[in-house]
Full PDB file with SEQRES, HELIX, SHEET, SSBOND, CRYST1, ORIGX, SCALE, CONECT and MASTER records, all heavy atoms in Angstrom:
SEQRES   1 A   35  SER SER ASP THR LEU PRO ARG ARG PHE PRO ILE GLN LEU          
SEQRES   2 A   35  ARG THR LYS ASN MET GLY LEU PHE VAL PRO GLN LEU GLN          
SEQRES   3 A   35  GLU LEU TYR PRO ASP ARG PRO MET GLU                          
HELIX    1 AA1 SER A    2  THR A    4  5                                   3    
HELIX    2 AA2 THR A   15  MET A   18  1                                   4    
HELIX    3 AA3 PRO A   23  LEU A   28  1                                   6    
CRYST1    1.000    1.000    1.000  90.00  90.00  90.00 P 1           1          
ORIGX1      1.000000  0.000000  0.000000        0.00000                         
ORIGX2      0.000000  1.000000  0.000000        0.00000                         
ORIGX3      0.000000  0.000000  1.000000        0.00000                         
SCALE1      1.000000  0.000000  0.000000        0.00000                         
SCALE2      0.000000  1.000000  0.000000        0.00000                         
SCALE3      0.000000  0.000000  1.000000        0.00000                         
ATOM      1  N   SER A   1      -1.215  -1.563  -7.830  1.00  0.00           N  
ATOM      2  CA  SER A   1      -1.530  -2.932  -8.241  1.00  0.00           C  
ATOM      3  C   SER A   1      -0.529  -3.328  -9.319  1.00  0.00           C  
ATOM      4  O   SER A   1       0.283  -2.516  -9.764  1.00  0.00           O  
ATOM      5  CB  SER A   1      -2.962  -3.013  -8.771  1.00  0.00           C  
ATOM      6  OG  SER A   1      -3.073  -2.257  -9.957  1.00  0.00           O  
ATOM      7  N   SER A   2      -0.606  -4.569  -9.755  1.00  0.00           N  
ATOM      8  CA  SER A   2       0.299  -5.033 -10.816  1.00  0.00           C  
ATOM      9  C   SER A   2       0.146  -4.207 -12.081  1.00  0.00           C  
ATOM     10  O   SER A   2       1.103  -4.005 -12.821  1.00  0.00           O  
ATOM     11  CB  SER A   2       0.041  -6.510 -11.126  1.00  0.00           C  
ATOM     12  OG  SER A   2       0.422  -7.289 -10.024  1.00  0.00           O  
ATOM     13  N   ASP A   3      -1.063  -3.711 -12.332  1.00  0.00           N  
ATOM     14  CA  ASP A   3      -1.305  -2.912 -13.533  1.00  0.00           C  
ATOM     15  C   ASP A   3      -0.553  -1.589 -13.508  1.00  0.00           C  
ATOM     16  O   ASP A   3      -0.256  -1.028 -14.557  1.00  0.00           O  
ATOM     17  CB  ASP A   3      -2.801  -2.631 -13.696  1.00  0.00           C  
ATOM     18  CG  ASP A   3      -3.606  -3.900 -13.852  1.00  0.00           C  
ATOM     19  OD1 ASP A   3      -3.027  -4.936 -14.248  1.00  0.00           O  
ATOM     20  OD2 ASP A   3      -4.814  -3.864 -13.562  1.00  0.00           O  
ATOM     21  N   THR A   4      -0.259  -1.065 -12.322  1.00  0.00           N  
ATOM     22  CA  THR A   4       0.412   0.232 -12.231  1.00  0.00           C  
ATOM     23  C   THR A   4       1.936   0.118 -12.206  1.00  0.00           C  
ATOM     24  O   THR A   4       2.616   1.127 -12.307  1.00  0.00           O  
ATOM     25  CB  THR A   4      -0.052   1.002 -10.979  1.00  0.00           C  
ATOM     26  OG1 THR A   4       0.268   0.234  -9.824  1.00  0.00           O  
ATOM     27  CG2 THR A   4      -1.545   1.284 -11.026  1.00  0.00           C  
ATOM     28  N   LEU A   5       2.471  -1.096 -12.062  1.00  0.00           N  
ATOM     29  CA  LEU A   5       3.919  -1.298 -12.054  1.00  0.00           C  
ATOM     30  C   LEU A   5       4.420  -1.641 -13.458  1.00  0.00           C  
ATOM     31  O   LEU A   5       3.744  -2.355 -14.199  1.00  0.00           O  
ATOM     32  CB  LEU A   5       4.294  -2.446 -11.109  1.00  0.00           C  
ATOM     33  CG  LEU A   5       4.068  -2.218  -9.625  1.00  0.00           C  
ATOM     34  CD1 LEU A   5       4.379  -3.489  -8.852  1.00  0.00           C  
ATOM     35  CD2 LEU A   5       4.929  -1.082  -9.120  1.00  0.00           C  
ATOM     36  N   PRO A   6       5.605  -1.179 -13.812  1.00  0.00           N  
ATOM     37  CA  PRO A   6       6.174  -1.588 -15.109  1.00  0.00           C  
ATOM     38  C   PRO A   6       6.425  -3.092 -15.136  1.00  0.00           C  
ATOM     39  O   PRO A   6       6.745  -3.693 -14.105  1.00  0.00           O  
ATOM     40  CB  PRO A   6       7.498  -0.824 -15.180  1.00  0.00           C  
ATOM     41  CG  PRO A   6       7.440   0.210 -14.114  1.00  0.00           C  
ATOM     42  CD  PRO A   6       6.446  -0.239 -13.094  1.00  0.00           C  
ATOM     43  N   ARG A   7       6.281  -3.703 -16.283  1.00  0.00           N  
ATOM     44  CA  ARG A   7       6.485  -5.160 -16.394  1.00  0.00           C  
ATOM     45  C   ARG A   7       7.901  -5.573 -15.988  1.00  0.00           C  
ATOM     46  O   ARG A   7       8.119  -6.666 -15.509  1.00  0.00           O  
ATOM     47  CB  ARG A   7       6.217  -5.616 -17.828  1.00  0.00           C  
ATOM     48  CG  ARG A   7       4.770  -5.466 -18.224  1.00  0.00           C  
ATOM     49  CD  ARG A   7       4.249  -6.777 -18.781  1.00  0.00           C  
ATOM     50  NE  ARG A   7       2.888  -6.640 -19.231  1.00  0.00           N  
ATOM     51  CZ  ARG A   7       1.853  -6.979 -18.487  1.00  0.00           C  
ATOM     52  NH1 ARG A   7       2.035  -7.473 -17.303  1.00  0.00           N  
ATOM     53  NH2 ARG A   7       0.633  -6.829 -18.951  1.00  0.00           N  
ATOM     54  N   ARG A   8       8.870  -4.678 -16.188  1.00  0.00           N  
ATOM     55  CA  ARG A   8      10.261  -5.008 -15.860  1.00  0.00           C  
ATOM     56  C   ARG A   8      10.602  -4.747 -14.400  1.00  0.00           C  
ATOM     57  O   ARG A   8      11.737  -4.946 -13.985  1.00  0.00           O  
ATOM     58  CB  ARG A   8      11.211  -4.212 -16.754  1.00  0.00           C  
ATOM     59  CG  ARG A   8      11.118  -4.636 -18.206  1.00  0.00           C  
ATOM     60  CD  ARG A   8      12.134  -3.902 -19.039  1.00  0.00           C  
ATOM     61  NE  ARG A   8      11.764  -2.481 -19.080  1.00  0.00           N  
ATOM     62  CZ  ARG A   8      12.613  -1.489 -19.287  1.00  0.00           C  
ATOM     63  NH1 ARG A   8      13.875  -1.735 -19.475  1.00  0.00           N  
ATOM     64  NH2 ARG A   8      12.194  -0.238 -19.319  1.00  0.00           N  
ATOM     65  N   PHE A   9       9.638  -4.286 -13.609  1.00  0.00           N  
ATOM     66  CA  PHE A   9       9.889  -4.042 -12.191  1.00  0.00           C  
ATOM     67  C   PHE A   9      10.308  -5.359 -11.545  1.00  0.00           C  
ATOM     68  O   PHE A   9       9.696  -6.401 -11.803  1.00  0.00           O  
ATOM     69  CB  PHE A   9       8.626  -3.463 -11.531  1.00  0.00           C  
ATOM     70  CG  PHE A   9       8.877  -2.855 -10.192  1.00  0.00           C  
ATOM     71  CD1 PHE A   9       9.507  -1.626 -10.094  1.00  0.00           C  
ATOM     72  CD2 PHE A   9       8.496  -3.510  -9.037  1.00  0.00           C  
ATOM     73  CE1 PHE A   9       9.750  -1.047  -8.858  1.00  0.00           C  
ATOM     74  CE2 PHE A   9       8.737  -2.944  -7.794  1.00  0.00           C  
ATOM     75  CZ  PHE A   9       9.363  -1.709  -7.699  1.00  0.00           C  
ATOM     76  N   PRO A  10      11.341  -5.373 -10.688  1.00  0.00           N  
ATOM     77  CA  PRO A  10      11.877  -6.644 -10.186  1.00  0.00           C  
ATOM     78  C   PRO A  10      10.921  -7.493  -9.351  1.00  0.00           C  
ATOM     79  O   PRO A  10      11.036  -8.706  -9.330  1.00  0.00           O  
ATOM     80  CB  PRO A  10      13.090  -6.233  -9.355  1.00  0.00           C  
ATOM     81  CG  PRO A  10      12.997  -4.769  -9.177  1.00  0.00           C  
ATOM     82  CD  PRO A  10      12.075  -4.227 -10.219  1.00  0.00           C  
ATOM     83  N   ILE A  11       9.955  -6.872  -8.675  1.00  0.00           N  
ATOM     84  CA  ILE A  11       9.003  -7.638  -7.864  1.00  0.00           C  
ATOM     85  C   ILE A  11       7.597  -7.315  -8.341  1.00  0.00           C  
ATOM     86  O   ILE A  11       7.153  -6.172  -8.239  1.00  0.00           O  
ATOM     87  CB  ILE A  11       9.143  -7.306  -6.373  1.00  0.00           C  
ATOM     88  CG1 ILE A  11      10.537  -7.651  -5.870  1.00  0.00           C  
ATOM     89  CG2 ILE A  11       8.093  -8.055  -5.559  1.00  0.00           C  
ATOM     90  CD1 ILE A  11      10.795  -7.230  -4.441  1.00  0.00           C  
ATOM     91  N   GLN A  12       6.895  -8.305  -8.849  1.00  0.00           N  
ATOM     92  CA  GLN A  12       5.506  -8.126  -9.247  1.00  0.00           C  
ATOM     93  C   GLN A  12       4.616  -8.413  -8.036  1.00  0.00           C  
ATOM     94  O   GLN A  12       4.978  -9.189  -7.157  1.00  0.00           O  
ATOM     95  CB  GLN A  12       5.150  -9.044 -10.418  1.00  0.00           C  
ATOM     96  CG  GLN A  12       5.856  -8.664 -11.708  1.00  0.00           C  
ATOM     97  CD  GLN A  12       5.482  -7.265 -12.181  1.00  0.00           C  
ATOM     98  OE1 GLN A  12       4.319  -6.905 -12.215  1.00  0.00           O  
ATOM     99  NE2 GLN A  12       6.484  -6.462 -12.500  1.00  0.00           N  
ATOM    100  N   LEU A  13       3.462  -7.780  -7.997  1.00  0.00           N  
ATOM    101  CA  LEU A  13       2.555  -7.913  -6.858  1.00  0.00           C  
ATOM    102  C   LEU A  13       1.698  -9.161  -7.007  1.00  0.00           C  
ATOM    103  O   LEU A  13       0.531  -9.108  -7.387  1.00  0.00           O  
ATOM    104  CB  LEU A  13       1.687  -6.660  -6.722  1.00  0.00           C  
ATOM    105  CG  LEU A  13       2.435  -5.432  -6.240  1.00  0.00           C  
ATOM    106  CD1 LEU A  13       1.516  -4.226  -6.237  1.00  0.00           C  
ATOM    107  CD2 LEU A  13       3.011  -5.658  -4.863  1.00  0.00           C  
ATOM    108  N   ARG A  14       2.318 -10.286  -6.693  1.00  0.00           N  
ATOM    109  CA  ARG A  14       1.627 -11.575  -6.679  1.00  0.00           C  
ATOM    110  C   ARG A  14       2.109 -12.326  -5.443  1.00  0.00           C  
ATOM    111  O   ARG A  14       3.215 -12.116  -4.971  1.00  0.00           O  
ATOM    112  CB  ARG A  14       1.901 -12.373  -7.953  1.00  0.00           C  
ATOM    113  CG  ARG A  14       1.391 -11.667  -9.212  1.00  0.00           C  
ATOM    114  CD  ARG A  14       1.355 -12.596 -10.415  1.00  0.00           C  
ATOM    115  NE  ARG A  14       0.331 -13.625 -10.329  1.00  0.00           N  
ATOM    116  CZ  ARG A  14      -0.964 -13.451 -10.603  1.00  0.00           C  
ATOM    117  NH1 ARG A  14      -1.413 -12.268 -10.945  1.00  0.00           N  
ATOM    118  NH2 ARG A  14      -1.794 -14.456 -10.532  1.00  0.00           N  
ATOM    119  N   THR A  15       1.267 -13.204  -4.932  1.00  0.00           N  
ATOM    120  CA  THR A  15       1.632 -13.919  -3.704  1.00  0.00           C  
ATOM    121  C   THR A  15       2.887 -14.767  -3.894  1.00  0.00           C  
ATOM    122  O   THR A  15       3.668 -14.916  -2.960  1.00  0.00           O  
ATOM    123  CB  THR A  15       0.473 -14.806  -3.211  1.00  0.00           C  
ATOM    124  OG1 THR A  15       0.052 -15.662  -4.274  1.00  0.00           O  
ATOM    125  CG2 THR A  15      -0.689 -13.967  -2.728  1.00  0.00           C  
ATOM    126  N   LYS A  16       3.114 -15.305  -5.093  1.00  0.00           N  
ATOM    127  CA  LYS A  16       4.313 -16.129  -5.293  1.00  0.00           C  
ATOM    128  C   LYS A  16       5.586 -15.290  -5.186  1.00  0.00           C  
ATOM    129  O   LYS A  16       6.616 -15.781  -4.751  1.00  0.00           O  
ATOM    130  CB  LYS A  16       4.259 -16.877  -6.627  1.00  0.00           C  
ATOM    131  CG  LYS A  16       4.403 -16.014  -7.845  1.00  0.00           C  
ATOM    132  CD  LYS A  16       4.381 -16.858  -9.110  1.00  0.00           C  
ATOM    133  CE  LYS A  16       4.543 -15.968 -10.332  1.00  0.00           C  
ATOM    134  NZ  LYS A  16       4.534 -16.762 -11.557  1.00  0.00           N  
ATOM    135  N   ASN A  17       5.526 -14.004  -5.557  1.00  0.00           N  
ATOM    136  CA  ASN A  17       6.685 -13.136  -5.427  1.00  0.00           C  
ATOM    137  C   ASN A  17       6.877 -12.642  -4.006  1.00  0.00           C  
ATOM    138  O   ASN A  17       7.997 -12.340  -3.595  1.00  0.00           O  
ATOM    139  CB  ASN A  17       6.571 -11.939  -6.374  1.00  0.00           C  
ATOM    140  CG  ASN A  17       6.445 -12.373  -7.808  1.00  0.00           C  
ATOM    141  OD1 ASN A  17       5.354 -12.394  -8.342  1.00  0.00           O  
ATOM    142  ND2 ASN A  17       7.552 -12.748  -8.417  1.00  0.00           N  
ATOM    143  N   MET A  18       5.814 -12.513  -3.239  1.00  0.00           N  
ATOM    144  CA  MET A  18       5.900 -12.060  -1.856  1.00  0.00           C  
ATOM    145  C   MET A  18       6.243 -13.204  -0.915  1.00  0.00           C  
ATOM    146  O   MET A  18       6.477 -12.980   0.269  1.00  0.00           O  
ATOM    147  CB  MET A  18       4.577 -11.419  -1.410  1.00  0.00           C  
ATOM    148  CG  MET A  18       4.248 -10.145  -2.125  1.00  0.00           C  
ATOM    149  SD  MET A  18       5.448  -8.887  -1.720  1.00  0.00           S  
ATOM    150  CE  MET A  18       5.159  -7.748  -3.034  1.00  0.00           C  
ATOM    151  N   GLY A  19       6.298 -14.416  -1.438  1.00  0.00           N  
ATOM    152  CA  GLY A  19       6.638 -15.577  -0.624  1.00  0.00           C  
ATOM    153  C   GLY A  19       8.012 -15.470   0.012  1.00  0.00           C  
ATOM    154  O   GLY A  19       8.272 -16.086   1.037  1.00  0.00           O  
ATOM    155  N   LEU A  20       8.909 -14.697  -0.584  1.00  0.00           N  
ATOM    156  CA  LEU A  20      10.224 -14.485   0.015  1.00  0.00           C  
ATOM    157  C   LEU A  20      10.110 -13.761   1.349  1.00  0.00           C  
ATOM    158  O   LEU A  20      10.873 -14.003   2.275  1.00  0.00           O  
ATOM    159  CB  LEU A  20      11.101 -13.651  -0.932  1.00  0.00           C  
ATOM    160  CG  LEU A  20      11.429 -14.262  -2.276  1.00  0.00           C  
ATOM    161  CD1 LEU A  20      12.073 -13.231  -3.181  1.00  0.00           C  
ATOM    162  CD2 LEU A  20      12.347 -15.445  -2.084  1.00  0.00           C  
ATOM    163  N   PHE A  21       9.147 -12.856   1.450  1.00  0.00           N  
ATOM    164  CA  PHE A  21       8.968 -12.057   2.657  1.00  0.00           C  
ATOM    165  C   PHE A  21       7.975 -12.682   3.621  1.00  0.00           C  
ATOM    166  O   PHE A  21       8.145 -12.605   4.827  1.00  0.00           O  
ATOM    167  CB  PHE A  21       8.490 -10.647   2.290  1.00  0.00           C  
ATOM    168  CG  PHE A  21       9.337  -9.986   1.238  1.00  0.00           C  
ATOM    169  CD1 PHE A  21       8.860  -9.823  -0.040  1.00  0.00           C  
ATOM    170  CD2 PHE A  21      10.616  -9.557   1.535  1.00  0.00           C  
ATOM    171  CE1 PHE A  21       9.641  -9.225  -1.009  1.00  0.00           C  
ATOM    172  CE2 PHE A  21      11.406  -8.963   0.573  1.00  0.00           C  
ATOM    173  CZ  PHE A  21      10.913  -8.796  -0.713  1.00  0.00           C  
ATOM    174  N   VAL A  22       6.895 -13.256   3.075  1.00  0.00           N  
ATOM    175  CA  VAL A  22       5.840 -13.869   3.887  1.00  0.00           C  
ATOM    176  C   VAL A  22       5.487 -15.226   3.261  1.00  0.00           C  
ATOM    177  O   VAL A  22       4.597 -15.322   2.413  1.00  0.00           O  
ATOM    178  CB  VAL A  22       4.582 -12.958   3.938  1.00  0.00           C  
ATOM    179  CG1 VAL A  22       3.559 -13.518   4.908  1.00  0.00           C  
ATOM    180  CG2 VAL A  22       4.935 -11.541   4.308  1.00  0.00           C  
ATOM    181  N   PRO A  23       6.190 -16.294   3.642  1.00  0.00           N  
ATOM    182  CA  PRO A  23       5.974 -17.610   3.006  1.00  0.00           C  
ATOM    183  C   PRO A  23       4.537 -18.134   3.098  1.00  0.00           C  
ATOM    184  O   PRO A  23       4.078 -18.836   2.196  1.00  0.00           O  
ATOM    185  CB  PRO A  23       6.929 -18.538   3.764  1.00  0.00           C  
ATOM    186  CG  PRO A  23       7.927 -17.637   4.404  1.00  0.00           C  
ATOM    187  CD  PRO A  23       7.241 -16.319   4.634  1.00  0.00           C  
ATOM    188  N   GLN A  24       3.794 -17.762   4.135  1.00  0.00           N  
ATOM    189  CA  GLN A  24       2.434 -18.270   4.314  1.00  0.00           C  
ATOM    190  C   GLN A  24       1.498 -17.764   3.214  1.00  0.00           C  
ATOM    191  O   GLN A  24       0.489 -18.397   2.916  1.00  0.00           O  
ATOM    192  CB  GLN A  24       1.871 -17.871   5.677  1.00  0.00           C  
ATOM    193  CG  GLN A  24       2.615 -18.432   6.850  1.00  0.00           C  
ATOM    194  CD  GLN A  24       3.804 -17.554   7.256  1.00  0.00           C  
ATOM    195  OE1 GLN A  24       4.186 -16.617   6.569  1.00  0.00           O  
ATOM    196  NE2 GLN A  24       4.411 -17.890   8.381  1.00  0.00           N  
ATOM    197  N   LEU A  25       1.789 -16.633   2.616  1.00  0.00           N  
ATOM    198  CA  LEU A  25       0.904 -16.091   1.574  1.00  0.00           C  
ATOM    199  C   LEU A  25       0.771 -17.043   0.400  1.00  0.00           C  
ATOM    200  O   LEU A  25      -0.321 -17.286  -0.094  1.00  0.00           O  
ATOM    201  CB  LEU A  25       1.431 -14.737   1.064  1.00  0.00           C  
ATOM    202  CG  LEU A  25       1.096 -13.531   1.889  1.00  0.00           C  
ATOM    203  CD1 LEU A  25       1.703 -12.285   1.265  1.00  0.00           C  
ATOM    204  CD2 LEU A  25      -0.390 -13.356   2.047  1.00  0.00           C  
ATOM    205  N   GLN A  26       1.884 -17.578  -0.074  1.00  0.00           N  
ATOM    206  CA  GLN A  26       1.845 -18.494  -1.214  1.00  0.00           C  
ATOM    207  C   GLN A  26       1.118 -19.784  -0.849  1.00  0.00           C  
ATOM    208  O   GLN A  26       0.426 -20.362  -1.679  1.00  0.00           O  
ATOM    209  CB  GLN A  26       3.274 -18.788  -1.700  1.00  0.00           C  
ATOM    210  CG  GLN A  26       3.368 -19.797  -2.810  1.00  0.00           C  
ATOM    211  CD  GLN A  26       2.629 -19.400  -4.093  1.00  0.00           C  
ATOM    212  OE1 GLN A  26       2.260 -18.245  -4.300  1.00  0.00           O  
ATOM    213  NE2 GLN A  26       2.397 -20.370  -4.941  1.00  0.00           N  
ATOM    214  N   GLU A  27       1.255 -20.224   0.396  1.00  0.00           N  
ATOM    215  CA  GLU A  27       0.568 -21.444   0.831  1.00  0.00           C  
ATOM    216  C   GLU A  27      -0.947 -21.231   0.907  1.00  0.00           C  
ATOM    217  O   GLU A  27      -1.730 -22.066   0.461  1.00  0.00           O  
ATOM    218  CB  GLU A  27       1.088 -21.886   2.198  1.00  0.00           C  
ATOM    219  CG  GLU A  27       2.540 -22.305   2.190  1.00  0.00           C  
ATOM    220  CD  GLU A  27       3.102 -22.480   3.596  1.00  0.00           C  
ATOM    221  OE1 GLU A  27       2.307 -22.530   4.568  1.00  0.00           O  
ATOM    222  OE2 GLU A  27       4.329 -22.554   3.722  1.00  0.00           O  
ATOM    223  N   LEU A  28      -1.368 -20.112   1.477  1.00  0.00           N  
ATOM    224  CA  LEU A  28      -2.795 -19.835   1.647  1.00  0.00           C  
ATOM    225  C   LEU A  28      -3.475 -19.394   0.350  1.00  0.00           C  
ATOM    226  O   LEU A  28      -4.629 -19.744   0.100  1.00  0.00           O  
ATOM    227  CB  LEU A  28      -3.004 -18.757   2.717  1.00  0.00           C  
ATOM    228  CG  LEU A  28      -2.626 -19.136   4.137  1.00  0.00           C  
ATOM    229  CD1 LEU A  28      -2.678 -17.907   5.043  1.00  0.00           C  
ATOM    230  CD2 LEU A  28      -3.551 -20.227   4.658  1.00  0.00           C  
ATOM    231  N   TYR A  29      -2.770 -18.598  -0.452  1.00  0.00           N  
ATOM    232  CA  TYR A  29      -3.344 -18.018  -1.673  1.00  0.00           C  
ATOM    233  C   TYR A  29      -2.359 -18.211  -2.830  1.00  0.00           C  
ATOM    234  O   TYR A  29      -1.628 -17.288  -3.191  1.00  0.00           O  
ATOM    235  CB  TYR A  29      -3.636 -16.529  -1.487  1.00  0.00           C  
ATOM    236  CG  TYR A  29      -4.463 -16.222  -0.266  1.00  0.00           C  
ATOM    237  CD1 TYR A  29      -3.878 -15.710   0.887  1.00  0.00           C  
ATOM    238  CD2 TYR A  29      -5.836 -16.437  -0.263  1.00  0.00           C  
ATOM    239  CE1 TYR A  29      -4.630 -15.425   2.002  1.00  0.00           C  
ATOM    240  CE2 TYR A  29      -6.598 -16.149   0.850  1.00  0.00           C  
ATOM    241  CZ  TYR A  29      -5.993 -15.646   1.978  1.00  0.00           C  
ATOM    242  OH  TYR A  29      -6.746 -15.360   3.096  1.00  0.00           O  
ATOM    243  N   PRO A  30      -2.317 -19.413  -3.428  1.00  0.00           N  
ATOM    244  CA  PRO A  30      -1.319 -19.674  -4.479  1.00  0.00           C  
ATOM    245  C   PRO A  30      -1.483 -18.753  -5.689  1.00  0.00           C  
ATOM    246  O   PRO A  30      -2.552 -18.655  -6.276  1.00  0.00           O  
ATOM    247  CB  PRO A  30      -1.571 -21.127  -4.870  1.00  0.00           C  
ATOM    248  CG  PRO A  30      -2.476 -21.689  -3.837  1.00  0.00           C  
ATOM    249  CD  PRO A  30      -3.155 -20.548  -3.153  1.00  0.00           C  
ATOM    250  N   ASP A  31      -0.420 -18.064  -6.027  1.00  0.00           N  
ATOM    251  CA  ASP A  31      -0.299 -17.218  -7.219  1.00  0.00           C  
ATOM    252  C   ASP A  31      -1.494 -16.293  -7.445  1.00  0.00           C  
ATOM    253  O   ASP A  31      -2.047 -16.226  -8.542  1.00  0.00           O  
ATOM    254  CB  ASP A  31      -0.030 -18.079  -8.452  1.00  0.00           C  
ATOM    255  CG  ASP A  31       0.548 -17.248  -9.587  1.00  0.00           C  
ATOM    256  OD1 ASP A  31       1.151 -16.191  -9.315  1.00  0.00           O  
ATOM    257  OD2 ASP A  31       0.392 -17.649 -10.748  1.00  0.00           O  
ATOM    258  N   ARG A  32      -1.874 -15.567  -6.409  1.00  0.00           N  
ATOM    259  CA  ARG A  32      -2.970 -14.595  -6.512  1.00  0.00           C  
ATOM    260  C   ARG A  32      -2.396 -13.190  -6.656  1.00  0.00           C  
ATOM    261  O   ARG A  32      -1.322 -12.887  -6.128  1.00  0.00           O  
ATOM    262  CB  ARG A  32      -3.862 -14.625  -5.260  1.00  0.00           C  
ATOM    263  CG  ARG A  32      -4.601 -15.915  -5.018  1.00  0.00           C  
ATOM    264  CD  ARG A  32      -5.612 -16.293  -6.062  1.00  0.00           C  
ATOM    265  NE  ARG A  32      -6.404 -15.163  -6.510  1.00  0.00           N  
ATOM    266  CZ  ARG A  32      -6.945 -15.069  -7.720  1.00  0.00           C  
ATOM    267  NH1 ARG A  32      -6.774 -16.015  -8.606  1.00  0.00           N  
ATOM    268  NH2 ARG A  32      -7.658 -14.012  -8.042  1.00  0.00           N  
ATOM    269  N   PRO A  33      -3.105 -12.294  -7.354  1.00  0.00           N  
ATOM    270  CA  PRO A  33      -2.650 -10.907  -7.433  1.00  0.00           C  
ATOM    271  C   PRO A  33      -2.796 -10.210  -6.084  1.00  0.00           C  
ATOM    272  O   PRO A  33      -3.610 -10.614  -5.249  1.00  0.00           O  
ATOM    273  CB  PRO A  33      -3.572 -10.292  -8.480  1.00  0.00           C  
ATOM    274  CG  PRO A  33      -4.747 -11.180  -8.569  1.00  0.00           C  
ATOM    275  CD  PRO A  33      -4.317 -12.547  -8.143  1.00  0.00           C  
ATOM    276  N   MET A  34      -1.985  -9.165  -5.917  1.00  0.00           N  
ATOM    277  CA  MET A  34      -2.009  -8.401  -4.675  1.00  0.00           C  
ATOM    278  C   MET A  34      -2.113  -6.918  -4.996  1.00  0.00           C  
ATOM    279  O   MET A  34      -1.839  -6.494  -6.115  1.00  0.00           O  
ATOM    280  CB  MET A  34      -0.737  -8.663  -3.855  1.00  0.00           C  
ATOM    281  CG  MET A  34      -0.594 -10.104  -3.397  1.00  0.00           C  
ATOM    282  SD  MET A  34       0.842 -10.329  -2.334  1.00  0.00           S  
ATOM    283  CE  MET A  34       0.314  -9.447  -0.863  1.00  0.00           C  
ATOM    284  N   GLU A  35      -2.507  -6.143  -4.001  1.00  0.00           N  
ATOM    285  CA  GLU A  35      -2.547  -4.686  -4.097  1.00  0.00           C  
ATOM    286  C   GLU A  35      -1.893  -4.108  -2.855  1.00  0.00           C  
ATOM    287  O   GLU A  35      -1.917  -4.723  -1.790  1.00  0.00           O  
ATOM    288  CB  GLU A  35      -3.983  -4.176  -4.187  1.00  0.00           C  
ATOM    289  CG  GLU A  35      -4.676  -4.521  -5.473  1.00  0.00           C  
ATOM    290  CD  GLU A  35      -6.097  -3.970  -5.547  1.00  0.00           C  
ATOM    291  OE1 GLU A  35      -6.516  -3.288  -4.588  1.00  0.00           O  
ATOM    292  OE2 GLU A  35      -6.760  -4.232  -6.543  1.00  0.00           O  
TER     293      GLU A  35                                                      
MASTER        0    0    0    3    0    0    0    6  292    1    0    3          
END                                                                             
């Protein structure tokens, strides 16, 4: 989860960051945490 990743890790586990790979995630679940 985001809690287990270092803050400086380049990709945080949030839907807005995964939008590059899966654009529908940000549309369906704006800025939600991911695991």
